[in-house]
Structure formats: structure tokens, C-alpha cells
Amino acid sequence: MPQLNPSPWFSILLFSWLVFLVIVVPKTMNHTFPNEPTPQSTQAPKTDPWSWPW
């Protein structure tokens, strides 16, 4: 039963993780967003009480 032989599958597993860690992860970690968020002001907004007409 060849599927029980771990030698080719283990090397495929190691090679795929090596590709993932060396190529894919740095590409995704270097991604920058085109619109950087601007810092909001720390002042609380001025709120007025509502005057209900009834």
C-alpha cells in the first residue's frame, strides 16, 4: 500500500511549508493599504439636548 509510505509525502509537506513561509508570508506582510487612516481628534463632540415638540 503506497499511501502508507511517508517518505514522498513528508518531503512534499516540508517543501510546501518552506514555500509558504519563505515566499507567501513576506508578500502578504509587506502589503500596504492605499488609504492610510487619519488620526481622529481627542476632543469629545459637542452634544445638544433635543427639544421634543410634544
PDB file of N, CA and C in Angstrom:
ATOM      1  N   MET A   1       0.852  -1.179   0.000  1.00  0.00           N
ATOM      2  CA  MET A   1       0.000   0.000   0.000  1.00  0.00           C
ATOM      3  C   MET A   1       0.897   1.241   0.000  1.00  0.00           C
ATOM      4  N   PRO A   2       1.025   1.919  -1.116  1.00  0.00           N
ATOM      5  CA  PRO A   2       1.991   3.009  -1.219  1.00  0.00           C
ATOM      6  C   PRO A   2       1.598   4.263  -0.436  1.00  0.00           C
ATOM      7  N   GLN A   3       0.329   4.440  -0.115  1.00  0.00           N
ATOM      8  CA  GLN A   3      -0.044   5.645   0.617  1.00  0.00           C
ATOM      9  C   GLN A   3       0.465   5.629   2.056  1.00  0.00           C
ATOM     10  N   LEU A   4       0.917   4.493   2.544  1.00  0.00           N
ATOM     11  CA  LEU A   4       1.446   4.420   3.888  1.00  0.00           C
ATOM     12  C   LEU A   4       2.946   4.714   3.937  1.00  0.00           C
ATOM     13  N   ASN A   5       3.552   4.851   2.796  1.00  0.00           N
ATOM     14  CA  ASN A   5       4.971   5.177   2.755  1.00  0.00           C
ATOM     15  C   ASN A   5       5.124   6.687   2.978  1.00  0.00           C
ATOM     16  N   PRO A   6       5.706   7.118   4.104  1.00  0.00           N
ATOM     17  CA  PRO A   6       5.730   8.546   4.413  1.00  0.00           C
ATOM     18  C   PRO A   6       6.845   9.336   3.718  1.00  0.00           C
ATOM     19  N   SER A   7       7.762   8.676   3.072  1.00  0.00           N
ATOM     20  CA  SER A   7       8.912   9.414   2.551  1.00  0.00           C
ATOM     21  C   SER A   7       8.548  10.439   1.473  1.00  0.00           C
ATOM     22  N   PRO A   8       7.742  10.152   0.437  1.00  0.00           N
ATOM     23  CA  PRO A   8       7.470  11.229  -0.527  1.00  0.00           C
ATOM     24  C   PRO A   8       6.528  12.286   0.041  1.00  0.00           C
ATOM     25  N   TRP A   9       5.580  11.893   0.871  1.00  0.00           N
ATOM     26  CA  TRP A   9       4.604  12.860   1.366  1.00  0.00           C
ATOM     27  C   TRP A   9       5.199  13.782   2.411  1.00  0.00           C
ATOM     28  N   PHE A  10       6.127  13.266   3.184  1.00  0.00           N
ATOM     29  CA  PHE A  10       6.777  14.118   4.171  1.00  0.00           C
ATOM     30  C   PHE A  10       7.639  15.189   3.502  1.00  0.00           C
ATOM     31  N   SER A  11       8.341  14.817   2.448  1.00  0.00           N
ATOM     32  CA  SER A  11       9.150  15.809   1.736  1.00  0.00           C
ATOM     33  C   SER A  11       8.269  16.825   1.019  1.00  0.00           C
ATOM     34  N   ILE A  12       7.125  16.410   0.498  1.00  0.00           N
ATOM     35  CA  ILE A  12       6.186  17.345  -0.123  1.00  0.00           C
ATOM     36  C   ILE A  12       5.631  18.288   0.930  1.00  0.00           C
ATOM     37  N   LEU A  13       5.310  17.790   2.086  1.00  0.00           N
ATOM     38  CA  LEU A  13       4.814  18.630   3.174  1.00  0.00           C
ATOM     39  C   LEU A  13       5.864  19.657   3.589  1.00  0.00           C
ATOM     40  N   LEU A  14       7.096  19.220   3.766  1.00  0.00           N
ATOM     41  CA  LEU A  14       8.153  20.156   4.157  1.00  0.00           C
ATOM     42  C   LEU A  14       8.413  21.197   3.077  1.00  0.00           C
ATOM     43  N   PHE A  15       8.429  20.783   1.835  1.00  0.00           N
ATOM     44  CA  PHE A  15       8.667  21.725   0.756  1.00  0.00           C
ATOM     45  C   PHE A  15       7.528  22.729   0.631  1.00  0.00           C
ATOM     46  N   SER A  16       6.304  22.292   0.790  1.00  0.00           N
ATOM     47  CA  SER A  16       5.177  23.222   0.696  1.00  0.00           C
ATOM     48  C   SER A  16       5.199  24.219   1.850  1.00  0.00           C
ATOM     49  N   TRP A  17       5.535  23.793   3.055  1.00  0.00           N
ATOM     50  CA  TRP A  17       5.648  24.738   4.174  1.00  0.00           C
ATOM     51  C   TRP A  17       6.815  25.690   3.970  1.00  0.00           C
ATOM     52  N   LEU A  18       7.891  25.216   3.405  1.00  0.00           N
ATOM     53  CA  LEU A  18       9.023  26.080   3.116  1.00  0.00           C
ATOM     54  C   LEU A  18       8.631  27.163   2.110  1.00  0.00           C
ATOM     55  N   VAL A  19       7.927  26.785   1.077  1.00  0.00           N
ATOM     56  CA  VAL A  19       7.451  27.765   0.097  1.00  0.00           C
ATOM     57  C   VAL A  19       6.502  28.746   0.760  1.00  0.00           C
ATOM     58  N   PHE A  20       5.607  28.251   1.567  1.00  0.00           N
ATOM     59  CA  PHE A  20       4.653  29.125   2.244  1.00  0.00           C
ATOM     60  C   PHE A  20       5.351  30.131   3.151  1.00  0.00           C
ATOM     61  N   LEU A  21       6.299  29.671   3.947  1.00  0.00           N
ATOM     62  CA  LEU A  21       6.949  30.551   4.911  1.00  0.00           C
ATOM     63  C   LEU A  21       7.952  31.506   4.273  1.00  0.00           C
ATOM     64  N   VAL A  22       8.570  31.103   3.185  1.00  0.00           N
ATOM     65  CA  VAL A  22       9.609  31.932   2.586  1.00  0.00           C
ATOM     66  C   VAL A  22       9.042  32.907   1.549  1.00  0.00           C
ATOM     67  N   ILE A  23       8.022  32.495   0.815  1.00  0.00           N
ATOM     68  CA  ILE A  23       7.522  33.320  -0.286  1.00  0.00           C
ATOM     69  C   ILE A  23       6.199  33.997   0.043  1.00  0.00           C
ATOM     70  N   VAL A  24       5.231  33.255   0.510  1.00  0.00           N
ATOM     71  CA  VAL A  24       3.885  33.795   0.659  1.00  0.00           C
ATOM     72  C   VAL A  24       3.774  34.732   1.856  1.00  0.00           C
ATOM     73  N   VAL A  25       4.318  34.374   2.981  1.00  0.00           N
ATOM     74  CA  VAL A  25       4.173  35.193   4.187  1.00  0.00           C
ATOM     75  C   VAL A  25       4.820  36.567   4.036  1.00  0.00           C
ATOM     76  N   PRO A  26       6.050  36.709   3.549  1.00  0.00           N
ATOM     77  CA  PRO A  26       6.601  38.065   3.383  1.00  0.00           C
ATOM     78  C   PRO A  26       5.829  38.909   2.381  1.00  0.00           C
ATOM     79  N   LYS A  27       5.281  38.291   1.336  1.00  0.00           N
ATOM     80  CA  LYS A  27       4.497  39.056   0.371  1.00  0.00           C
ATOM     81  C   LYS A  27       3.237  39.629   1.013  1.00  0.00           C
ATOM     82  N   THR A  28       2.589  38.856   1.851  1.00  0.00           N
ATOM     83  CA  THR A  28       1.371  39.364   2.488  1.00  0.00           C
ATOM     84  C   THR A  28       1.687  40.335   3.617  1.00  0.00           C
ATOM     85  N   MET A  29       2.791  40.156   4.302  1.00  0.00           N
ATOM     86  CA  MET A  29       3.117  41.059   5.400  1.00  0.00           C
ATOM     87  C   MET A  29       3.597  42.419   4.899  1.00  0.00           C
ATOM     88  N   ASN A  30       4.099  42.503   3.683  1.00  0.00           N
ATOM     89  CA  ASN A  30       4.558  43.770   3.125  1.00  0.00           C
ATOM     90  C   ASN A  30       3.442  44.558   2.458  1.00  0.00           C
ATOM     91  N   HIS A  31       2.245  44.033   2.479  1.00  0.00           N
ATOM     92  CA  HIS A  31       1.129  44.720   1.839  1.00  0.00           C
ATOM     93  C   HIS A  31       0.790  45.994   2.603  1.00  0.00           C
ATOM     94  N   THR A  32       0.647  47.084   1.874  1.00  0.00           N
ATOM     95  CA  THR A  32       0.244  48.346   2.491  1.00  0.00           C
ATOM     96  C   THR A  32      -1.073  48.783   1.880  1.00  0.00           C
ATOM     97  N   PHE A  33      -1.878  49.432   2.672  1.00  0.00           N
ATOM     98  CA  PHE A  33      -3.163  49.904   2.202  1.00  0.00           C
ATOM     99  C   PHE A  33      -2.987  51.240   1.493  1.00  0.00           C
ATOM    100  N   PRO A  34      -3.716  51.494   0.429  1.00  0.00           N
ATOM    101  CA  PRO A  34      -3.542  52.769  -0.288  1.00  0.00           C
ATOM    102  C   PRO A  34      -4.039  53.974   0.507  1.00  0.00           C
ATOM    103  N   ASN A  35      -5.014  53.792   1.360  1.00  0.00           N
ATOM    104  CA  ASN A  35      -5.557  54.892   2.145  1.00  0.00           C
ATOM    105  C   ASN A  35      -5.230  54.663   3.611  1.00  0.00           C
ATOM    106  N   GLU A  36      -4.229  55.357   4.089  1.00  0.00           N
ATOM    107  CA  GLU A  36      -3.862  55.234   5.494  1.00  0.00           C
ATOM    108  C   GLU A  36      -4.894  55.970   6.353  1.00  0.00           C
ATOM    109  N   PRO A  37      -5.271  55.422   7.476  1.00  0.00           N
ATOM    110  CA  PRO A  37      -6.253  56.100   8.321  1.00  0.00           C
ATOM    111  C   PRO A  37      -5.661  57.356   8.955  1.00  0.00           C
ATOM    112  N   THR A  38      -6.490  58.377   9.059  1.00  0.00           N
ATOM    113  CA  THR A  38      -6.043  59.614   9.693  1.00  0.00           C
ATOM    114  C   THR A  38      -6.435  59.579  11.163  1.00  0.00           C
ATOM    115  N   PRO A  39      -5.593  60.092  12.032  1.00  0.00           N
ATOM    116  CA  PRO A  39      -5.941  60.085  13.460  1.00  0.00           C
ATOM    117  C   PRO A  39      -7.109  61.024  13.746  1.00  0.00           C
ATOM    118  N   GLN A  40      -7.990  60.573  14.595  1.00  0.00           N
ATOM    119  CA  GLN A  40      -9.154  61.365  14.965  1.00  0.00           C
ATOM    120  C   GLN A  40      -8.781  62.301  16.110  1.00  0.00           C
ATOM    121  N   SER A  41      -9.555  63.354  16.254  1.00  0.00           N
ATOM    122  CA  SER A  41      -9.295  64.291  17.342  1.00  0.00           C
ATOM    123  C   SER A  41      -9.716  63.660  18.668  1.00  0.00           C
ATOM    124  N   THR A  42      -9.064  64.078  19.732  1.00  0.00           N
ATOM    125  CA  THR A  42      -9.365  63.518  21.042  1.00  0.00           C
ATOM    126  C   THR A  42     -10.456  64.296  21.759  1.00  0.00           C
ATOM    127  N   GLN A  43     -10.927  65.401  21.181  1.00  0.00           N
ATOM    128  CA  GLN A  43     -11.986  66.179  21.808  1.00  0.00           C
ATOM    129  C   GLN A  43     -13.325  65.467  21.635  1.00  0.00           C
ATOM    130  N   ALA A  44     -14.126  65.515  22.694  1.00  0.00           N
ATOM    131  CA  ALA A  44     -15.448  64.905  22.621  1.00  0.00           C
ATOM    132  C   ALA A  44     -16.362  65.817  21.802  1.00  0.00           C
ATOM    133  N   PRO A  45     -17.216  65.258  20.986  1.00  0.00           N
ATOM    134  CA  PRO A  45     -18.112  66.100  20.201  1.00  0.00           C
ATOM    135  C   PRO A  45     -19.130  66.801  21.102  1.00  0.00           C
ATOM    136  N   LYS A  46     -19.500  68.020  20.709  1.00  0.00           N
ATOM    137  CA  LYS A  46     -20.446  68.801  21.496  1.00  0.00           C
ATOM    138  C   LYS A  46     -21.854  68.292  21.183  1.00  0.00           C
ATOM    139  N   THR A  47     -22.546  67.866  22.205  1.00  0.00           N
ATOM    140  CA  THR A  47     -23.900  67.348  22.014  1.00  0.00           C
ATOM    141  C   THR A  47     -24.895  68.293  22.667  1.00  0.00           C
ATOM    142  N   ASP A  48     -25.973  68.560  21.971  1.00  0.00           N
ATOM    143  CA  ASP A  48     -27.047  69.405  22.488  1.00  0.00           C
ATOM    144  C   ASP A  48     -28.250  68.532  22.809  1.00  0.00           C
ATOM    145  N   PRO A  49     -28.965  68.841  23.891  1.00  0.00           N
ATOM    146  CA  PRO A  49     -30.180  68.074  24.172  1.00  0.00           C
ATOM    147  C   PRO A  49     -31.264  68.402  23.142  1.00  0.00           C
ATOM    148  N   TRP A  50     -32.056  67.415  22.858  1.00  0.00           N
ATOM    149  CA  TRP A  50     -33.130  67.623  21.886  1.00  0.00           C
ATOM    150  C   TRP A  50     -34.310  68.298  22.567  1.00  0.00           C
ATOM    151  N   SER A  51     -34.932  69.180  21.852  1.00  0.00           N
ATOM    152  CA  SER A  51     -36.170  69.792  22.333  1.00  0.00           C
ATOM    153  C   SER A  51     -37.327  69.168  21.567  1.00  0.00           C
ATOM    154  N   TRP A  52     -37.996  68.215  22.178  1.00  0.00           N
ATOM    155  CA  TRP A  52     -39.067  67.495  21.505  1.00  0.00           C
ATOM    156  C   TRP A  52     -40.291  68.377  21.406  1.00  0.00           C
ATOM    157  N   PRO A  53     -41.001  68.413  20.267  1.00  0.00           N
ATOM    158  CA  PRO A  53     -42.133  69.305  20.087  1.00  0.00           C
ATOM    159  C   PRO A  53     -43.402  68.883  20.831  1.00  0.00           C
ATOM    160  N   TRP A  54     -43.450  67.719  21.430  1.00  0.00           N
ATOM    161  CA  TRP A  54     -44.682  67.335  22.095  1.00  0.00           C
ATOM    162  C   TRP A  54     -44.575  67.579  23.552  1.00  0.00           C
TER     163      TRP A  54
END
